[in-house]
Amino acid sequence: MTRVPYPPNTRTLVASDLDRTLIYSTAALALAMDDELAPRLLCVEVHESRPLSYMTESASRLLVELADTVRFVPTTTRTRKQYRRISLPGRRPRYAICANGGHLLVDGRTDHDWNAEMRRRLADGSAPLEEVVAHLSATADPEWLRKERIAEDLFTYLVVDRDRLPAGWVKDLGEWAEPLGWTVSLQGRKIYAVPKPLSKSAALAEVVRRTGVEQVLAAGDSLLDADLLMAADTGWTPGHGELSDTGWSAPHVIGLGSVGVAAGEEILRRMLVRCSGEDAAA
């Protein structure tokens, strides 16, 4: 079958988080089901010659159909380098949002004007990165800290041993960061500290401006996806992750009961139904 050069529905844009929303690491696969009931999987990311991230084969077919139907925009906290390791099935998206909105890729290339605009917003709206990095270095305990990372000179995150992480440490960090204009998010083994002006919704608004779409659908699982979901006309969250665990909700956001790779599959299926207009309550 020959694909049309552009999605037939140019009025709708789908912006979705990737990790633990559409794609899953080996550790995150444990969220899904017993081994004997596990679906067939497609590897979509290789790192250091090892398979790293997966989606179900059914989800891969749904994503191909979705990307052929509407504008699909991967929307991730990953750095550009980390995002480029992913090989999603289907056509390459025209736009991709990386570094939690700090970078906008257009046909795979960095839009430097957008990055410059985001850095101007950060300078005006939040404490400097160096201050937050210094605080994390001073308060994190080597007993449970595994790695410290700075992403794209925009935000920082820690890789931790969750079993040894003290109860309340992340909450205390969030309370310290709030008046400085920073958000703290715990996702798997990573603790993110991200300046509030650095948001997925900001980059999404720029893509909407450029494309002139009339409807936005979105999906995500973490606190860093909340602004993305609030900017959408309809959103979905899986039955796992920060948003589910904290009971976060919004009238136009549908919380699903499915978890793991099965949730990724359900999200894509519901997006396709909504795009087709077959079921306004999907």
C-alpha atoms as a PDB file:
ATOM      1  CA  MET A   1       0.000   0.000   0.000  1.00  0.00           C
ATOM      2  CA  THR A   2       1.342   3.430  -0.974  1.00  0.00           C
ATOM      3  CA  ARG A   3       1.119   6.026   1.759  1.00  0.00           C
ATOM      4  CA  VAL A   4      -0.181   9.485   1.109  1.00  0.00           C
ATOM      5  CA  PRO A   5       2.529  12.157   1.524  1.00  0.00           C
ATOM      6  CA  TYR A   6       0.710  13.914   4.367  1.00  0.00           C
ATOM      7  CA  PRO A   7      -1.845  12.817   6.972  1.00  0.00           C
ATOM      8  CA  PRO A   8      -5.369  13.296   5.596  1.00  0.00           C
ATOM      9  CA  ASN A   9      -6.560  14.831   8.903  1.00  0.00           C
ATOM     10  CA  THR A  10      -4.402  17.939   9.245  1.00  0.00           C
ATOM     11  CA  ARG A  11      -6.806  19.520  11.730  1.00  0.00           C
ATOM     12  CA  THR A  12      -5.847  17.149  14.560  1.00  0.00           C
ATOM     13  CA  LEU A  13      -2.525  16.856  16.360  1.00  0.00           C
ATOM     14  CA  VAL A  14      -1.559  14.043  18.747  1.00  0.00           C
ATOM     15  CA  ALA A  15       1.168  14.906  21.271  1.00  0.00           C
ATOM     16  CA  SER A  16       2.244  11.954  23.398  1.00  0.00           C
ATOM     17  CA  ASP A  17       4.847  11.303  26.017  1.00  0.00           C
ATOM     18  CA  LEU A  18       6.992   8.282  25.195  1.00  0.00           C
ATOM     19  CA  ASP A  19       8.581   6.523  28.187  1.00  0.00           C
ATOM     20  CA  ARG A  20       6.054   4.606  30.266  1.00  0.00           C
ATOM     21  CA  THR A  21       3.271   5.962  28.059  1.00  0.00           C
ATOM     22  CA  LEU A  22       3.889   4.506  24.599  1.00  0.00           C
ATOM     23  CA  ILE A  23       7.241   2.740  25.050  1.00  0.00           C
ATOM     24  CA  TYR A  24       8.573   0.706  27.961  1.00  0.00           C
ATOM     25  CA  SER A  25      11.961  -0.388  29.267  1.00  0.00           C
ATOM     26  CA  THR A  26      12.581  -3.948  30.414  1.00  0.00           C
ATOM     27  CA  ALA A  27      12.016  -2.869  34.029  1.00  0.00           C
ATOM     28  CA  ALA A  28       8.755  -1.140  33.136  1.00  0.00           C
ATOM     29  CA  LEU A  29       7.487  -4.235  31.332  1.00  0.00           C
ATOM     30  CA  ALA A  30       6.992  -5.792  34.770  1.00  0.00           C
ATOM     31  CA  LEU A  31       4.022  -3.442  35.177  1.00  0.00           C
ATOM     32  CA  ALA A  32       2.054  -5.348  32.609  1.00  0.00           C
ATOM     33  CA  MET A  33       1.291  -8.997  33.296  1.00  0.00           C
ATOM     34  CA  ASP A  34       2.671 -12.462  33.982  1.00  0.00           C
ATOM     35  CA  ASP A  35       5.269 -13.735  31.523  1.00  0.00           C
ATOM     36  CA  GLU A  36       3.012 -16.386  30.037  1.00  0.00           C
ATOM     37  CA  LEU A  37       0.404 -13.742  29.204  1.00  0.00           C
ATOM     38  CA  ALA A  38       2.828 -11.171  27.788  1.00  0.00           C
ATOM     39  CA  PRO A  39       2.089  -9.904  24.252  1.00  0.00           C
ATOM     40  CA  ARG A  40       4.572 -10.030  21.394  1.00  0.00           C
ATOM     41  CA  LEU A  41       6.900  -7.047  21.600  1.00  0.00           C
ATOM     42  CA  LEU A  42       8.740  -4.847  19.141  1.00  0.00           C
ATOM     43  CA  CYS A  43      12.075  -3.314  20.182  1.00  0.00           C
ATOM     44  CA  VAL A  44      12.083   0.409  19.381  1.00  0.00           C
ATOM     45  CA  GLU A  45      15.327   1.465  21.078  1.00  0.00           C
ATOM     46  CA  VAL A  46      18.856   0.076  21.227  1.00  0.00           C
ATOM     47  CA  HIS A  47      21.541   1.539  23.492  1.00  0.00           C
ATOM     48  CA  GLU A  48      25.150   0.340  23.648  1.00  0.00           C
ATOM     49  CA  SER A  49      24.215  -2.603  21.403  1.00  0.00           C
ATOM     50  CA  ARG A  50      21.463  -3.733  23.776  1.00  0.00           C
ATOM     51  CA  PRO A  51      17.683  -3.584  23.320  1.00  0.00           C
ATOM     52  CA  LEU A  52      16.282  -1.015  25.709  1.00  0.00           C
ATOM     53  CA  SER A  53      12.678  -0.032  24.966  1.00  0.00           C
ATOM     54  CA  TYR A  54       9.646  -1.815  23.564  1.00  0.00           C
ATOM     55  CA  MET A  55       6.029  -1.523  22.535  1.00  0.00           C
ATOM     56  CA  THR A  56       3.606  -4.279  21.648  1.00  0.00           C
ATOM     57  CA  GLU A  57       3.387  -5.325  18.020  1.00  0.00           C
ATOM     58  CA  SER A  58      -0.276  -4.328  18.085  1.00  0.00           C
ATOM     59  CA  ALA A  59       0.672  -0.863  19.423  1.00  0.00           C
ATOM     60  CA  SER A  60       3.225  -0.483  16.634  1.00  0.00           C
ATOM     61  CA  ARG A  61       0.543  -1.114  13.997  1.00  0.00           C
ATOM     62  CA  LEU A  62      -1.774   1.363  15.709  1.00  0.00           C
ATOM     63  CA  LEU A  63       0.969   3.999  15.769  1.00  0.00           C
ATOM     64  CA  VAL A  64       1.629   3.549  12.055  1.00  0.00           C
ATOM     65  CA  GLU A  65      -2.082   4.054  11.375  1.00  0.00           C
ATOM     66  CA  LEU A  66      -2.262   7.066  13.704  1.00  0.00           C
ATOM     67  CA  ALA A  67       0.765   8.763  12.103  1.00  0.00           C
ATOM     68  CA  ASP A  68      -0.813   8.195   8.683  1.00  0.00           C
ATOM     69  CA  THR A  69      -4.058   9.765   9.873  1.00  0.00           C
ATOM     70  CA  VAL A  70      -3.072  12.853  11.906  1.00  0.00           C
ATOM     71  CA  ARG A  71      -0.050  14.897  12.876  1.00  0.00           C
ATOM     72  CA  PHE A  72       1.822  12.845  15.500  1.00  0.00           C
ATOM     73  CA  VAL A  73       4.287  14.729  17.723  1.00  0.00           C
ATOM     74  CA  PRO A  74       6.493  12.711  20.130  1.00  0.00           C
ATOM     75  CA  THR A  75       6.771  14.788  23.299  1.00  0.00           C
ATOM     76  CA  THR A  76       9.482  13.743  25.745  1.00  0.00           C
ATOM     77  CA  THR A  77      11.731  14.817  28.599  1.00  0.00           C
ATOM     78  CA  ARG A  78      14.550  12.923  26.898  1.00  0.00           C
ATOM     79  CA  THR A  79      17.487  14.849  25.477  1.00  0.00           C
ATOM     80  CA  ARG A  80      17.823  15.033  21.715  1.00  0.00           C
ATOM     81  CA  LYS A  81      20.518  12.346  21.772  1.00  0.00           C
ATOM     82  CA  GLN A  82      18.352  10.030  23.865  1.00  0.00           C
ATOM     83  CA  TYR A  83      15.323  10.644  21.641  1.00  0.00           C
ATOM     84  CA  ARG A  84      17.268   9.887  18.466  1.00  0.00           C
ATOM     85  CA  ARG A  85      18.026   6.390  19.767  1.00  0.00           C
ATOM     86  CA  ILE A  86      14.320   5.583  19.400  1.00  0.00           C
ATOM     87  CA  SER A  87      13.082   4.141  16.128  1.00  0.00           C
ATOM     88  CA  LEU A  88       9.306   4.460  16.178  1.00  0.00           C
ATOM     89  CA  PRO A  89       7.346   2.538  13.545  1.00  0.00           C
ATOM     90  CA  GLY A  90       5.754   4.478  10.724  1.00  0.00           C
ATOM     91  CA  ARG A  91       6.560   7.801   9.102  1.00  0.00           C
ATOM     92  CA  ARG A  92       9.055  10.101  10.791  1.00  0.00           C
ATOM     93  CA  PRO A  93       7.175  12.874  12.585  1.00  0.00           C
ATOM     94  CA  ARG A  94       7.620  16.348  11.144  1.00  0.00           C
ATOM     95  CA  TYR A  95       7.865  17.771  14.680  1.00  0.00           C
ATOM     96  CA  ALA A  96       9.258  16.287  17.893  1.00  0.00           C
ATOM     97  CA  ILE A  97       9.475  17.952  21.312  1.00  0.00           C
ATOM     98  CA  CYS A  98      12.549  17.040  23.399  1.00  0.00           C
ATOM     99  CA  ALA A  99      14.130  18.105  26.705  1.00  0.00           C
ATOM    100  CA  ASN A 100      10.665  18.775  28.195  1.00  0.00           C
ATOM    101  CA  GLY A 101      10.033  21.496  25.636  1.00  0.00           C
ATOM    102  CA  GLY A 102      13.520  22.969  25.568  1.00  0.00           C
ATOM    103  CA  HIS A 103      14.175  21.690  22.062  1.00  0.00           C
ATOM    104  CA  LEU A 104      11.894  21.482  19.066  1.00  0.00           C
ATOM    105  CA  LEU A 105      13.000  19.220  16.214  1.00  0.00           C
ATOM    106  CA  VAL A 106      11.714  19.967  12.728  1.00  0.00           C
ATOM    107  CA  ASP A 107      12.313  17.155  10.256  1.00  0.00           C
ATOM    108  CA  GLY A 108      14.875  15.819  12.700  1.00  0.00           C
ATOM    109  CA  ARG A 109      16.837  19.061  12.996  1.00  0.00           C
ATOM    110  CA  THR A 110      17.067  21.399  15.972  1.00  0.00           C
ATOM    111  CA  ASP A 111      15.114  24.643  15.754  1.00  0.00           C
ATOM    112  CA  HIS A 112      17.674  26.940  17.359  1.00  0.00           C
ATOM    113  CA  ASP A 113      15.337  29.930  17.432  1.00  0.00           C
ATOM    114  CA  TRP A 114      12.915  28.002  19.647  1.00  0.00           C
ATOM    115  CA  ASN A 115      15.703  26.914  21.980  1.00  0.00           C
ATOM    116  CA  ALA A 116      16.881  30.518  22.284  1.00  0.00           C
ATOM    117  CA  GLU A 117      13.337  31.608  23.136  1.00  0.00           C
ATOM    118  CA  MET A 118      13.078  28.959  25.866  1.00  0.00           C
ATOM    119  CA  ARG A 119      16.385  30.014  27.387  1.00  0.00           C
ATOM    120  CA  ARG A 120      15.131  33.609  27.539  1.00  0.00           C
ATOM    121  CA  ARG A 121      12.040  32.419  29.399  1.00  0.00           C
ATOM    122  CA  LEU A 122      14.172  30.424  31.841  1.00  0.00           C
ATOM    123  CA  ALA A 123      16.359  33.416  32.604  1.00  0.00           C
ATOM    124  CA  ASP A 124      13.271  35.430  33.520  1.00  0.00           C
ATOM    125  CA  GLY A 125      11.174  32.807  35.315  1.00  0.00           C
ATOM    126  CA  SER A 126      13.252  30.474  37.499  1.00  0.00           C
ATOM    127  CA  ALA A 127      16.356  30.163  39.645  1.00  0.00           C
ATOM    128  CA  PRO A 128      19.532  29.227  37.755  1.00  0.00           C
ATOM    129  CA  LEU A 129      20.351  25.600  37.035  1.00  0.00           C
ATOM    130  CA  GLU A 130      23.605  25.856  38.953  1.00  0.00           C
ATOM    131  CA  GLU A 131      21.791  26.629  42.208  1.00  0.00           C
ATOM    132  CA  VAL A 132      19.592  23.536  41.912  1.00  0.00           C
ATOM    133  CA  VAL A 133      22.483  21.281  40.913  1.00  0.00           C
ATOM    134  CA  ALA A 134      24.499  22.468  43.913  1.00  0.00           C
ATOM    135  CA  HIS A 135      21.586  21.748  46.262  1.00  0.00           C
ATOM    136  CA  LEU A 136      21.111  18.241  44.876  1.00  0.00           C
ATOM    137  CA  SER A 137      24.813  17.483  45.174  1.00  0.00           C
ATOM    138  CA  ALA A 138      24.816  18.687  48.795  1.00  0.00           C
ATOM    139  CA  THR A 139      21.713  16.774  49.903  1.00  0.00           C
ATOM    140  CA  ALA A 140      21.749  13.523  47.923  1.00  0.00           C
ATOM    141  CA  ASP A 141      23.216  10.571  49.853  1.00  0.00           C
ATOM    142  CA  PRO A 142      25.778   8.338  48.082  1.00  0.00           C
ATOM    143  CA  GLU A 143      24.030   5.442  49.836  1.00  0.00           C
ATOM    144  CA  TRP A 144      21.191   5.661  47.318  1.00  0.00           C
ATOM    145  CA  LEU A 145      22.476   8.040  44.629  1.00  0.00           C
ATOM    146  CA  ARG A 146      23.727   6.270  41.508  1.00  0.00           C
ATOM    147  CA  LYS A 147      24.222   9.082  38.963  1.00  0.00           C
ATOM    148  CA  GLU A 148      23.864  12.846  38.643  1.00  0.00           C
ATOM    149  CA  ARG A 149      23.075  14.226  35.210  1.00  0.00           C
ATOM    150  CA  ILE A 150      22.569  17.636  33.574  1.00  0.00           C
ATOM    151  CA  ALA A 151      20.384  17.490  30.467  1.00  0.00           C
ATOM    152  CA  GLU A 152      21.038  19.903  27.590  1.00  0.00           C
ATOM    153  CA  ASP A 153      22.139  22.577  30.127  1.00  0.00           C
ATOM    154  CA  LEU A 154      18.418  23.025  30.826  1.00  0.00           C
ATOM    155  CA  PHE A 155      17.514  20.765  33.767  1.00  0.00           C
ATOM    156  CA  THR A 156      18.972  18.068  35.972  1.00  0.00           C
ATOM    157  CA  TYR A 157      18.077  14.598  37.209  1.00  0.00           C
ATOM    158  CA  LEU A 158      19.337  11.934  39.580  1.00  0.00           C
ATOM    159  CA  VAL A 159      19.372   8.184  39.030  1.00  0.00           C
ATOM    160  CA  VAL A 160      18.676   6.537  42.393  1.00  0.00           C
ATOM    161  CA  ASP A 161      18.188   3.227  44.144  1.00  0.00           C
ATOM    162  CA  ARG A 162      14.452   3.406  44.870  1.00  0.00           C
ATOM    163  CA  ASP A 163      14.651   0.771  47.604  1.00  0.00           C
ATOM    164  CA  ARG A 164      17.104   2.919  49.585  1.00  0.00           C
ATOM    165  CA  LEU A 165      15.625   6.332  48.822  1.00  0.00           C
ATOM    166  CA  PRO A 166      14.315   7.776  52.138  1.00  0.00           C
ATOM    167  CA  ALA A 167      10.581   8.288  52.372  1.00  0.00           C
ATOM    168  CA  GLY A 168       9.807  11.979  52.101  1.00  0.00           C
ATOM    169  CA  TRP A 169      13.069  13.025  50.423  1.00  0.00           C
ATOM    170  CA  VAL A 170      11.432  13.779  47.082  1.00  0.00           C
ATOM    171  CA  LYS A 171       8.590  15.648  48.806  1.00  0.00           C
ATOM    172  CA  ASP A 172      11.089  17.783  50.734  1.00  0.00           C
ATOM    173  CA  LEU A 173      12.993  18.504  47.535  1.00  0.00           C
ATOM    174  CA  GLY A 174       9.785  19.581  45.820  1.00  0.00           C
ATOM    175  CA  GLU A 175       8.939  21.967  48.644  1.00  0.00           C
ATOM    176  CA  TRP A 176      12.434  23.486  48.443  1.00  0.00           C
ATOM    177  CA  ALA A 177      12.249  23.835  44.645  1.00  0.00           C
ATOM    178  CA  GLU A 178       8.721  25.284  44.404  1.00  0.00           C
ATOM    179  CA  PRO A 179       9.516  28.905  45.406  1.00  0.00           C
ATOM    180  CA  LEU A 180      12.517  28.835  43.064  1.00  0.00           C
ATOM    181  CA  GLY A 181      10.256  28.142  40.100  1.00  0.00           C
ATOM    182  CA  TRP A 182      11.227  24.483  39.687  1.00  0.00           C
ATOM    183  CA  THR A 183       9.193  21.260  39.539  1.00  0.00           C
ATOM    184  CA  VAL A 184      10.314  17.903  40.956  1.00  0.00           C
ATOM    185  CA  SER A 185       9.148  14.613  39.446  1.00  0.00           C
ATOM    186  CA  LEU A 186       9.905  10.998  40.387  1.00  0.00           C
ATOM    187  CA  GLN A 187       9.773   8.604  37.427  1.00  0.00           C
ATOM    188  CA  GLY A 188      11.031   5.081  37.926  1.00  0.00           C
ATOM    189  CA  ARG A 189      14.620   5.371  39.138  1.00  0.00           C
ATOM    190  CA  LYS A 190      14.957   9.024  38.128  1.00  0.00           C
ATOM    191  CA  ILE A 191      14.276  12.190  40.096  1.00  0.00           C
ATOM    192  CA  TYR A 192      13.869  15.163  37.769  1.00  0.00           C
ATOM    193  CA  ALA A 193      14.267  18.817  38.701  1.00  0.00           C
ATOM    194  CA  VAL A 194      12.911  20.977  35.887  1.00  0.00           C
ATOM    195  CA  PRO A 195      12.361  24.762  35.754  1.00  0.00           C
ATOM    196  CA  LYS A 196       8.663  25.568  35.383  1.00  0.00           C
ATOM    197  CA  PRO A 197       8.998  27.704  32.229  1.00  0.00           C
ATOM    198  CA  LEU A 198      10.525  24.625  30.561  1.00  0.00           C
ATOM    199  CA  SER A 199       7.309  22.835  29.668  1.00  0.00           C
ATOM    200  CA  LYS A 200       5.982  20.481  27.046  1.00  0.00           C
ATOM    201  CA  SER A 201       2.897  22.655  26.677  1.00  0.00           C
ATOM    202  CA  ALA A 202       4.992  25.677  25.702  1.00  0.00           C
ATOM    203  CA  ALA A 203       6.581  23.792  22.808  1.00  0.00           C
ATOM    204  CA  LEU A 204       3.212  22.271  21.918  1.00  0.00           C
ATOM    205  CA  ALA A 205       1.702  25.764  21.653  1.00  0.00           C
ATOM    206  CA  GLU A 206       4.433  26.674  19.181  1.00  0.00           C
ATOM    207  CA  VAL A 207       3.702  23.595  17.045  1.00  0.00           C
ATOM    208  CA  VAL A 208      -0.017  24.393  17.146  1.00  0.00           C
ATOM    209  CA  ARG A 209       0.747  27.952  16.039  1.00  0.00           C
ATOM    210  CA  ARG A 210       2.817  26.732  13.106  1.00  0.00           C
ATOM    211  CA  THR A 211       0.417  24.038  11.954  1.00  0.00           C
ATOM    212  CA  GLY A 212      -2.909  25.717  12.646  1.00  0.00           C
ATOM    213  CA  VAL A 213      -4.496  22.540  14.001  1.00  0.00           C
ATOM    214  CA  GLU A 214      -7.939  22.726  15.584  1.00  0.00           C
ATOM    215  CA  GLN A 215      -7.864  19.725  17.918  1.00  0.00           C
ATOM    216  CA  VAL A 216      -5.102  18.417  20.202  1.00  0.00           C
ATOM    217  CA  LEU A 217      -5.045  14.961  21.771  1.00  0.00           C
ATOM    218  CA  ALA A 218      -2.420  14.089  24.375  1.00  0.00           C
ATOM    219  CA  ALA A 219      -1.205  11.313  26.666  1.00  0.00           C
ATOM    220  CA  GLY A 220       1.280  11.076  29.529  1.00  0.00           C
ATOM    221  CA  ASP A 221       1.954   9.457  32.873  1.00  0.00           C
ATOM    222  CA  SER A 222       4.102  11.826  34.945  1.00  0.00           C
ATOM    223  CA  LEU A 223       3.852  15.165  36.710  1.00  0.00           C
ATOM    224  CA  LEU A 224       5.879  16.654  33.853  1.00  0.00           C
ATOM    225  CA  ASP A 225       3.036  15.668  31.500  1.00  0.00           C
ATOM    226  CA  ALA A 226       0.308  17.468  33.469  1.00  0.00           C
ATOM    227  CA  ASP A 227       0.688  20.769  31.588  1.00  0.00           C
ATOM    228  CA  LEU A 228       0.670  18.883  28.271  1.00  0.00           C
ATOM    229  CA  LEU A 229      -2.581  17.162  29.192  1.00  0.00           C
ATOM    230  CA  MET A 230      -4.140  20.428  30.373  1.00  0.00           C
ATOM    231  CA  ALA A 231      -3.312  22.031  27.015  1.00  0.00           C
ATOM    232  CA  ALA A 232      -5.138  19.279  25.086  1.00  0.00           C
ATOM    233  CA  ASP A 233      -8.778  19.012  24.116  1.00  0.00           C
ATOM    234  CA  THR A 234      -8.772  15.369  25.232  1.00  0.00           C
ATOM    235  CA  GLY A 235      -6.102  13.446  27.128  1.00  0.00           C
ATOM    236  CA  TRP A 236      -5.396   9.992  28.508  1.00  0.00           C
ATOM    237  CA  THR A 237      -3.263   8.709  31.374  1.00  0.00           C
ATOM    238  CA  PRO A 238      -2.298   5.076  31.992  1.00  0.00           C
ATOM    239  CA  GLY A 239      -3.186   3.248  35.206  1.00  0.00           C
ATOM    240  CA  HIS A 240       0.391   3.586  36.443  1.00  0.00           C
ATOM    241  CA  GLY A 241       2.830   6.454  36.986  1.00  0.00           C
ATOM    242  CA  GLU A 242       2.932   9.659  38.996  1.00  0.00           C
ATOM    243  CA  LEU A 243      -0.385  11.062  37.831  1.00  0.00           C
ATOM    244  CA  SER A 244      -2.259   7.846  38.574  1.00  0.00           C
ATOM    245  CA  ASP A 245      -0.497   7.328  41.904  1.00  0.00           C
ATOM    246  CA  THR A 246      -1.337  10.831  43.129  1.00  0.00           C
ATOM    247  CA  GLY A 247      -4.937  10.768  41.900  1.00  0.00           C
ATOM    248  CA  TRP A 248      -4.368  13.683  39.507  1.00  0.00           C
ATOM    249  CA  SER A 249      -7.344  14.343  37.268  1.00  0.00           C
ATOM    250  CA  ALA A 250      -8.967  16.862  34.951  1.00  0.00           C
ATOM    251  CA  PRO A 251     -12.444  16.854  33.383  1.00  0.00           C
ATOM    252  CA  HIS A 252     -11.165  16.268  29.844  1.00  0.00           C
ATOM    253  CA  VAL A 253      -8.470  13.714  30.797  1.00  0.00           C
ATOM    254  CA  ILE A 254      -9.432  10.035  30.905  1.00  0.00           C
ATOM    255  CA  GLY A 255      -7.651   7.835  33.419  1.00  0.00           C
ATOM    256  CA  LEU A 256      -7.292   4.286  32.122  1.00  0.00           C
ATOM    257  CA  GLY A 257      -7.252   1.131  34.202  1.00  0.00           C
ATOM    258  CA  SER A 258      -4.698  -0.672  32.048  1.00  0.00           C
ATOM    259  CA  VAL A 259      -1.004  -0.557  32.954  1.00  0.00           C
ATOM    260  CA  GLY A 260       2.333  -1.199  31.251  1.00  0.00           C
ATOM    261  CA  VAL A 261       2.582  -1.929  27.535  1.00  0.00           C
ATOM    262  CA  ALA A 262      -1.133  -2.758  27.484  1.00  0.00           C
ATOM    263  CA  ALA A 263      -1.857   0.858  28.456  1.00  0.00           C
ATOM    264  CA  GLY A 264       0.255   2.133  25.575  1.00  0.00           C
ATOM    265  CA  GLU A 265      -1.763   0.004  23.212  1.00  0.00           C
ATOM    266  CA  GLU A 266      -5.073   1.203  24.655  1.00  0.00           C
ATOM    267  CA  ILE A 267      -4.048   4.852  24.455  1.00  0.00           C
ATOM    268  CA  LEU A 268      -3.250   4.555  20.749  1.00  0.00           C
ATOM    269  CA  ARG A 269      -6.479   2.686  20.041  1.00  0.00           C
ATOM    270  CA  ARG A 270      -8.575   5.344  21.807  1.00  0.00           C
ATOM    271  CA  MET A 271      -6.750   8.127  19.983  1.00  0.00           C
ATOM    272  CA  LEU A 272      -7.570   6.511  16.652  1.00  0.00           C
ATOM    273  CA  VAL A 273     -11.227   6.173  17.608  1.00  0.00           C
ATOM    274  CA  ARG A 274     -11.352   9.833  18.641  1.00  0.00           C
ATOM    275  CA  CYS A 275      -9.673  10.918  15.402  1.00  0.00           C
ATOM    276  CA  SER A 276     -12.225   8.961  13.380  1.00  0.00           C
ATOM    277  CA  GLY A 277     -15.063  10.603  15.318  1.00  0.00           C
ATOM    278  CA  GLU A 278     -16.711   7.226  15.882  1.00  0.00           C
ATOM    279  CA  ASP A 279     -17.114   7.580  19.631  1.00  0.00           C
ATOM    280  CA  ALA A 280     -17.009  10.977  21.306  1.00  0.00           C
ATOM    281  CA  ALA A 281     -16.818   9.292  24.718  1.00  0.00           C
ATOM    282  CA  ALA A 282     -13.773   7.087  23.990  1.00  0.00           C
END
